Amino acid sequence: MPPPDTQHPQAVPQATVAPVAEQEEFVMPSGNIGCIYTPAGGTPTYQPADGGPELACDIIAPRYVRATLGRAGAATINREVGDPSCCSAGPILEYGVTWQGGPFSCISERTGLSCRRDDGHAFVLSRGRISAN
């Protein structure tokens, strides 16, 4: 058998598989607030309008509201949600715990949920306060 040709190695075909983007969900221990994180590029069934990433959190009471942070710009508050679907059974984001995904982080507290994007835009959802910037 001849020695391997080190001057002209044969190209070996490389199989590349694009990672499948998956959403992450979490709910507050009260069951009143639930969030869905969608990574950049979306999923096979949902693509954020700006391409993502996107964090959308719903609060059920005292009134159903959805707060959303997209890739850029201020957080938005939607008080006329056409597809109320909150909240999944878990996983639960215990009080005092911080969740992080992409450029977003959320802090779960007994008084509510505070979420922010790395650039400082944020929203707060609680029974007593709903705000966004």
N, C-alpha and C. Protein backbone atom coordinates (compact mmCIF):
# COMPACT_ATOMS: atom_id res chain seq x y z
N MET A 1 0.85 -1.16 0.00
CA MET A 1 0.00 0.00 0.00
C MET A 1 0.90 1.23 0.00
N PRO A 2 0.60 2.23 -0.87
CA PRO A 2 1.44 3.42 -0.93
C PRO A 2 1.22 4.29 0.30
N PRO A 3 2.22 5.07 0.67
CA PRO A 3 2.06 5.96 1.82
C PRO A 3 1.02 7.03 1.53
N PRO A 4 0.38 7.57 2.55
CA PRO A 4 -0.63 8.62 2.33
C PRO A 4 0.01 9.84 1.69
N ASP A 5 -0.78 10.50 0.83
CA ASP A 5 -0.32 11.70 0.15
C ASP A 5 -0.55 12.89 1.08
N THR A 6 0.50 13.35 1.71
CA THR A 6 0.35 14.46 2.66
C THR A 6 0.31 15.81 1.96
N GLN A 7 0.74 15.85 0.70
CA GLN A 7 0.69 17.09 -0.07
C GLN A 7 -0.72 17.40 -0.55
N HIS A 8 -1.49 16.36 -0.84
CA HIS A 8 -2.84 16.53 -1.40
C HIS A 8 -3.81 15.61 -0.67
N PRO A 9 -4.13 15.93 0.56
CA PRO A 9 -5.07 15.06 1.27
C PRO A 9 -6.44 15.10 0.61
N GLN A 10 -7.09 13.97 0.67
CA GLN A 10 -8.43 13.90 0.08
C GLN A 10 -9.41 14.68 0.95
N ALA A 11 -10.31 15.35 0.27
CA ALA A 11 -11.35 16.06 0.99
C ALA A 11 -12.34 15.05 1.55
N VAL A 12 -12.65 15.20 2.79
CA VAL A 12 -13.63 14.33 3.42
C VAL A 12 -14.92 15.12 3.54
N PRO A 13 -16.00 14.62 2.93
CA PRO A 13 -17.26 15.36 3.04
C PRO A 13 -17.69 15.49 4.49
N GLN A 14 -18.12 16.67 4.85
CA GLN A 14 -18.58 16.94 6.21
C GLN A 14 -20.09 17.09 6.20
N ALA A 15 -20.74 16.35 7.05
CA ALA A 15 -22.19 16.48 7.18
C ALA A 15 -22.45 17.57 8.21
N THR A 16 -23.24 18.53 7.84
CA THR A 16 -23.60 19.57 8.79
C THR A 16 -25.10 19.51 9.04
N VAL A 17 -25.43 19.58 10.28
CA VAL A 17 -26.84 19.56 10.67
C VAL A 17 -27.10 20.84 11.43
N ALA A 18 -28.03 21.63 10.94
CA ALA A 18 -28.39 22.87 11.62
C ALA A 18 -29.11 22.53 12.92
N PRO A 19 -28.74 23.18 14.01
CA PRO A 19 -29.43 22.90 15.26
C PRO A 19 -30.90 23.32 15.16
N VAL A 20 -31.75 22.54 15.76
CA VAL A 20 -33.17 22.87 15.77
C VAL A 20 -33.42 23.82 16.93
N ALA A 21 -33.92 25.00 16.61
CA ALA A 21 -34.20 25.99 17.65
C ALA A 21 -35.43 25.55 18.43
N GLU A 22 -35.34 25.65 19.73
CA GLU A 22 -36.46 25.29 20.57
C GLU A 22 -36.82 26.43 21.49
N GLN A 23 -38.10 26.55 21.77
CA GLN A 23 -38.56 27.54 22.72
C GLN A 23 -38.34 27.01 24.13
N GLU A 24 -38.19 27.94 25.07
CA GLU A 24 -38.12 27.60 26.49
C GLU A 24 -39.31 28.24 27.17
N GLU A 25 -39.92 27.53 28.10
CA GLU A 25 -41.05 28.06 28.84
C GLU A 25 -40.76 27.98 30.33
N PHE A 26 -41.35 28.91 31.07
CA PHE A 26 -41.33 28.81 32.53
C PHE A 26 -42.54 29.55 33.07
N VAL A 27 -42.94 29.18 34.28
CA VAL A 27 -44.06 29.82 34.96
C VAL A 27 -43.65 30.20 36.37
N MET A 28 -44.33 31.19 36.89
CA MET A 28 -44.12 31.60 38.28
C MET A 28 -44.81 30.58 39.19
N PRO A 29 -44.34 30.45 40.43
CA PRO A 29 -44.97 29.49 41.36
C PRO A 29 -46.46 29.74 41.56
N SER A 30 -46.91 31.00 41.45
CA SER A 30 -48.33 31.32 41.63
C SER A 30 -49.19 30.80 40.48
N GLY A 31 -48.56 30.51 39.32
CA GLY A 31 -49.31 30.09 38.13
C GLY A 31 -49.96 31.26 37.41
N ASN A 32 -49.75 32.49 37.89
CA ASN A 32 -50.37 33.68 37.31
C ASN A 32 -49.57 34.28 36.16
N ILE A 33 -48.28 33.95 36.05
CA ILE A 33 -47.42 34.51 35.01
C ILE A 33 -46.65 33.37 34.35
N GLY A 34 -46.63 33.39 33.02
CA GLY A 34 -45.87 32.40 32.28
C GLY A 34 -45.15 33.05 31.11
N CYS A 35 -43.98 32.52 30.75
CA CYS A 35 -43.15 33.11 29.70
C CYS A 35 -42.72 32.07 28.68
N ILE A 36 -42.50 32.56 27.45
CA ILE A 36 -41.94 31.75 26.38
C ILE A 36 -40.79 32.53 25.76
N TYR A 37 -39.63 31.89 25.72
CA TYR A 37 -38.45 32.45 25.06
C TYR A 37 -38.28 31.75 23.72
N THR A 38 -38.17 32.56 22.65
CA THR A 38 -37.94 32.03 21.31
C THR A 38 -36.57 32.52 20.86
N PRO A 39 -35.65 31.60 20.51
CA PRO A 39 -34.31 32.01 20.11
C PRO A 39 -34.30 32.70 18.75
N ALA A 40 -33.19 33.35 18.42
CA ALA A 40 -33.03 34.01 17.12
C ALA A 40 -33.32 33.01 16.01
N GLY A 41 -34.04 33.45 15.00
CA GLY A 41 -34.41 32.58 13.89
C GLY A 41 -35.71 31.85 14.08
N GLY A 42 -36.21 31.84 15.31
CA GLY A 42 -37.50 31.21 15.57
C GLY A 42 -37.43 29.70 15.60
N THR A 43 -38.59 29.09 15.42
CA THR A 43 -38.73 27.64 15.42
C THR A 43 -39.44 27.24 14.13
N PRO A 44 -39.57 25.96 13.87
CA PRO A 44 -40.31 25.55 12.67
C PRO A 44 -41.77 26.03 12.67
N THR A 45 -42.33 26.28 13.85
CA THR A 45 -43.74 26.69 13.92
C THR A 45 -43.97 28.15 14.27
N TYR A 46 -42.92 28.86 14.72
CA TYR A 46 -43.10 30.27 15.09
C TYR A 46 -41.83 31.06 14.80
N GLN A 47 -41.98 32.14 14.06
CA GLN A 47 -40.87 33.04 13.78
C GLN A 47 -41.26 34.44 14.26
N PRO A 48 -40.49 35.01 15.19
CA PRO A 48 -40.79 36.37 15.64
C PRO A 48 -40.73 37.34 14.46
N ALA A 49 -41.53 38.39 14.52
CA ALA A 49 -41.62 39.36 13.43
C ALA A 49 -40.27 39.98 13.09
N ASP A 50 -39.41 40.22 14.11
CA ASP A 50 -38.11 40.84 13.86
C ASP A 50 -36.98 39.82 13.74
N GLY A 51 -37.32 38.54 13.65
CA GLY A 51 -36.33 37.49 13.52
C GLY A 51 -35.84 36.92 14.84
N GLY A 52 -36.19 37.58 15.93
CA GLY A 52 -35.84 37.08 17.25
C GLY A 52 -34.42 37.42 17.63
N PRO A 53 -34.06 37.13 18.83
CA PRO A 53 -34.80 36.40 19.84
C PRO A 53 -35.97 37.21 20.40
N GLU A 54 -36.85 36.51 21.10
CA GLU A 54 -38.04 37.16 21.66
C GLU A 54 -38.39 36.51 22.99
N LEU A 55 -38.81 37.35 23.93
CA LEU A 55 -39.32 36.88 25.22
C LEU A 55 -40.71 37.45 25.38
N ALA A 56 -41.70 36.58 25.53
CA ALA A 56 -43.08 37.00 25.72
C ALA A 56 -43.60 36.39 27.01
N CYS A 57 -44.15 37.24 27.90
CA CYS A 57 -44.67 36.79 29.18
C CYS A 57 -46.12 37.25 29.32
N ASP A 58 -46.96 36.34 29.79
CA ASP A 58 -48.38 36.64 30.00
C ASP A 58 -48.68 36.63 31.49
N ILE A 59 -49.57 37.54 31.87
CA ILE A 59 -50.10 37.55 33.23
C ILE A 59 -51.61 37.39 33.12
N ILE A 60 -52.18 36.55 33.99
CA ILE A 60 -53.61 36.25 33.90
C ILE A 60 -54.45 37.27 34.66
N ALA A 61 -54.05 37.57 35.92
CA ALA A 61 -54.86 38.45 36.75
C ALA A 61 -54.00 39.58 37.30
N PRO A 62 -54.54 40.75 37.46
CA PRO A 62 -55.97 41.05 37.50
C PRO A 62 -56.62 41.13 36.12
N ARG A 63 -55.83 41.23 35.05
CA ARG A 63 -56.36 41.25 33.69
C ARG A 63 -55.32 40.59 32.79
N TYR A 64 -55.77 39.88 31.76
CA TYR A 64 -54.84 39.19 30.88
C TYR A 64 -54.06 40.21 30.05
N VAL A 65 -52.73 40.16 30.16
CA VAL A 65 -51.83 41.08 29.47
C VAL A 65 -50.61 40.30 29.01
N ARG A 66 -50.04 40.69 27.87
CA ARG A 66 -48.80 40.09 27.37
C ARG A 66 -47.73 41.17 27.22
N ALA A 67 -46.56 40.94 27.82
CA ALA A 67 -45.40 41.83 27.67
C ALA A 67 -44.39 41.11 26.80
N THR A 68 -43.80 41.86 25.85
CA THR A 68 -42.85 41.25 24.92
C THR A 68 -41.60 42.10 24.76
N LEU A 69 -40.47 41.43 24.78
CA LEU A 69 -39.19 42.04 24.45
C LEU A 69 -38.69 41.33 23.19
N GLY A 70 -38.41 42.12 22.16
CA GLY A 70 -37.87 41.57 20.93
C GLY A 70 -36.37 41.77 20.85
N ARG A 71 -35.85 41.66 19.65
CA ARG A 71 -34.42 41.80 19.41
C ARG A 71 -33.92 43.20 19.73
N ALA A 72 -34.75 44.22 19.48
CA ALA A 72 -34.35 45.61 19.70
C ALA A 72 -35.58 46.43 20.06
N GLY A 73 -35.33 47.63 20.58
CA GLY A 73 -36.43 48.54 20.91
C GLY A 73 -37.01 48.27 22.29
N ALA A 74 -37.96 49.11 22.63
CA ALA A 74 -38.60 49.03 23.94
C ALA A 74 -39.50 47.80 24.04
N ALA A 75 -39.74 47.37 25.27
CA ALA A 75 -40.70 46.30 25.53
C ALA A 75 -42.09 46.81 25.18
N THR A 76 -42.98 45.91 24.79
CA THR A 76 -44.36 46.29 24.47
C THR A 76 -45.31 45.58 25.43
N ILE A 77 -46.43 46.24 25.67
CA ILE A 77 -47.50 45.68 26.50
C ILE A 77 -48.73 45.56 25.62
N ASN A 78 -49.29 44.36 25.53
CA ASN A 78 -50.50 44.12 24.75
C ASN A 78 -51.62 43.78 25.72
N ARG A 79 -52.61 44.68 25.80
CA ARG A 79 -53.74 44.47 26.70
C ARG A 79 -54.93 43.85 26.00
N GLU A 80 -54.79 43.59 24.70
CA GLU A 80 -55.85 42.97 23.91
C GLU A 80 -55.31 41.70 23.24
N VAL A 81 -54.93 40.72 24.06
CA VAL A 81 -54.32 39.49 23.56
C VAL A 81 -55.37 38.65 22.86
N GLY A 82 -55.13 38.33 21.60
CA GLY A 82 -56.09 37.55 20.82
C GLY A 82 -55.99 36.06 21.04
N ASP A 83 -54.88 35.61 21.62
CA ASP A 83 -54.68 34.17 21.82
C ASP A 83 -54.23 33.86 23.25
N PRO A 84 -55.06 34.20 24.25
CA PRO A 84 -54.63 33.96 25.62
C PRO A 84 -54.34 32.48 25.83
N SER A 85 -53.11 32.18 26.24
CA SER A 85 -52.72 30.78 26.36
C SER A 85 -51.87 30.51 27.59
N CYS A 86 -51.85 31.43 28.51
CA CYS A 86 -51.00 31.26 29.69
C CYS A 86 -51.64 30.25 30.63
N CYS A 87 -51.11 29.48 31.29
CA CYS A 87 -49.71 29.24 31.55
C CYS A 87 -49.49 27.74 31.53
N SER A 88 -48.32 27.34 31.12
CA SER A 88 -48.00 25.92 31.08
C SER A 88 -47.83 25.39 32.49
N ALA A 89 -47.64 24.10 32.60
CA ALA A 89 -47.48 23.47 33.92
C ALA A 89 -46.05 23.60 34.45
N GLY A 90 -45.16 24.10 33.65
CA GLY A 90 -43.79 24.22 34.16
C GLY A 90 -42.81 24.34 33.04
N PRO A 91 -41.57 24.38 33.31
CA PRO A 91 -40.96 24.34 34.63
C PRO A 91 -41.23 25.61 35.41
N ILE A 92 -41.18 25.48 36.72
CA ILE A 92 -41.47 26.60 37.61
C ILE A 92 -40.19 27.37 37.91
N LEU A 93 -40.28 28.70 37.77
CA LEU A 93 -39.18 29.58 38.13
C LEU A 93 -39.44 30.03 39.57
N GLU A 94 -38.80 29.35 40.50
CA GLU A 94 -39.03 29.60 41.93
C GLU A 94 -38.70 31.05 42.29
N TYR A 95 -39.33 31.54 43.34
CA TYR A 95 -39.05 32.89 43.82
C TYR A 95 -37.58 33.02 44.21
N GLY A 96 -36.98 34.16 43.85
CA GLY A 96 -35.58 34.40 44.15
C GLY A 96 -34.62 33.85 43.11
N VAL A 97 -35.14 33.21 42.07
CA VAL A 97 -34.30 32.60 41.03
C VAL A 97 -34.30 33.49 39.79
N THR A 98 -33.16 33.54 39.10
CA THR A 98 -33.03 34.28 37.86
C THR A 98 -32.97 33.31 36.69
N TRP A 99 -33.77 33.56 35.66
CA TRP A 99 -33.73 32.80 34.40
C TRP A 99 -32.94 33.63 33.40
N GLN A 100 -32.15 32.98 32.54
CA GLN A 100 -31.43 33.67 31.47
C GLN A 100 -31.53 32.89 30.18
N GLY A 101 -31.75 33.62 29.08
CA GLY A 101 -31.79 33.04 27.76
C GLY A 101 -31.48 34.12 26.74
N GLY A 102 -30.50 33.85 25.85
CA GLY A 102 -30.11 34.86 24.87
C GLY A 102 -29.75 36.15 25.59
N PRO A 103 -30.25 37.30 25.10
CA PRO A 103 -29.93 38.58 25.73
C PRO A 103 -30.87 38.95 26.88
N PHE A 104 -31.72 38.01 27.31
CA PHE A 104 -32.74 38.30 28.30
C PHE A 104 -32.44 37.64 29.64
N SER A 105 -32.92 38.29 30.71
CA SER A 105 -32.89 37.68 32.04
C SER A 105 -34.16 38.12 32.78
N CYS A 106 -34.66 37.22 33.64
CA CYS A 106 -35.86 37.50 34.42
C CYS A 106 -35.61 37.09 35.86
N ILE A 107 -36.13 37.90 36.78
CA ILE A 107 -36.03 37.60 38.21
C ILE A 107 -37.43 37.33 38.74
N SER A 108 -37.61 36.17 39.34
CA SER A 108 -38.88 35.77 39.93
C SER A 108 -38.89 36.20 41.40
N GLU A 109 -39.90 36.98 41.77
CA GLU A 109 -40.05 37.42 43.16
C GLU A 109 -41.51 37.25 43.57
N ARG A 110 -41.75 37.17 44.85
CA ARG A 110 -43.13 37.04 45.33
C ARG A 110 -44.00 38.20 44.86
N THR A 111 -43.39 39.35 44.61
CA THR A 111 -44.13 40.53 44.19
C THR A 111 -44.35 40.59 42.68
N GLY A 112 -43.74 39.69 41.91
CA GLY A 112 -43.94 39.68 40.46
C GLY A 112 -42.70 39.25 39.71
N LEU A 113 -42.71 39.50 38.41
CA LEU A 113 -41.62 39.10 37.52
C LEU A 113 -41.04 40.33 36.84
N SER A 114 -39.72 40.46 36.89
CA SER A 114 -39.01 41.55 36.21
C SER A 114 -38.12 40.92 35.15
N CYS A 115 -38.25 41.37 33.90
CA CYS A 115 -37.43 40.85 32.81
C CYS A 115 -36.76 42.01 32.09
N ARG A 116 -35.53 41.75 31.61
CA ARG A 116 -34.79 42.79 30.90
C ARG A 116 -33.93 42.18 29.81
N ARG A 117 -33.62 43.03 28.84
CA ARG A 117 -32.69 42.67 27.78
C ARG A 117 -31.35 43.32 28.12
N ASP A 118 -30.26 42.79 27.61
CA ASP A 118 -28.92 43.29 27.93
C ASP A 118 -28.77 44.80 27.78
N ASP A 119 -29.52 45.43 26.88
CA ASP A 119 -29.38 46.87 26.65
C ASP A 119 -30.20 47.72 27.64
N GLY A 120 -30.87 47.08 28.59
CA GLY A 120 -31.60 47.82 29.62
C GLY A 120 -33.10 47.91 29.42
N HIS A 121 -33.62 47.64 28.22
CA HIS A 121 -35.08 47.64 28.04
C HIS A 121 -35.67 46.50 28.86
N ALA A 122 -36.84 46.78 29.48
CA ALA A 122 -37.36 45.82 30.45
C ALA A 122 -38.87 45.92 30.57
N PHE A 123 -39.44 44.94 31.29
CA PHE A 123 -40.84 45.02 31.69
C PHE A 123 -40.99 44.38 33.07
N VAL A 124 -42.07 44.77 33.75
CA VAL A 124 -42.42 44.22 35.06
C VAL A 124 -43.88 43.80 34.99
N LEU A 125 -44.15 42.58 35.47
CA LEU A 125 -45.52 42.08 35.54
C LEU A 125 -45.80 41.65 36.97
N SER A 126 -46.87 42.22 37.54
CA SER A 126 -47.32 41.82 38.86
C SER A 126 -48.80 42.18 38.98
N ARG A 127 -49.43 41.72 40.02
CA ARG A 127 -50.85 42.05 40.22
C ARG A 127 -51.04 43.55 40.40
N GLY A 128 -50.05 44.24 40.97
CA GLY A 128 -50.16 45.66 41.23
C GLY A 128 -49.52 46.57 40.20
N ARG A 129 -48.70 46.01 39.32
CA ARG A 129 -47.96 46.87 38.37
C ARG A 129 -47.66 46.14 37.07
N ILE A 130 -47.93 46.83 35.98
CA ILE A 130 -47.56 46.35 34.65
C ILE A 130 -46.90 47.53 33.97
N SER A 131 -45.60 47.38 33.65
CA SER A 131 -44.89 48.48 33.03
C SER A 131 -43.84 47.95 32.05
N ALA A 132 -43.45 48.83 31.12
CA ALA A 132 -42.46 48.47 30.11
C ALA A 132 -41.67 49.70 29.72
N ASN A 133 -40.40 49.47 29.33
CA ASN A 133 -39.59 50.56 28.78
C ASN A 133 -38.65 50.03 27.73
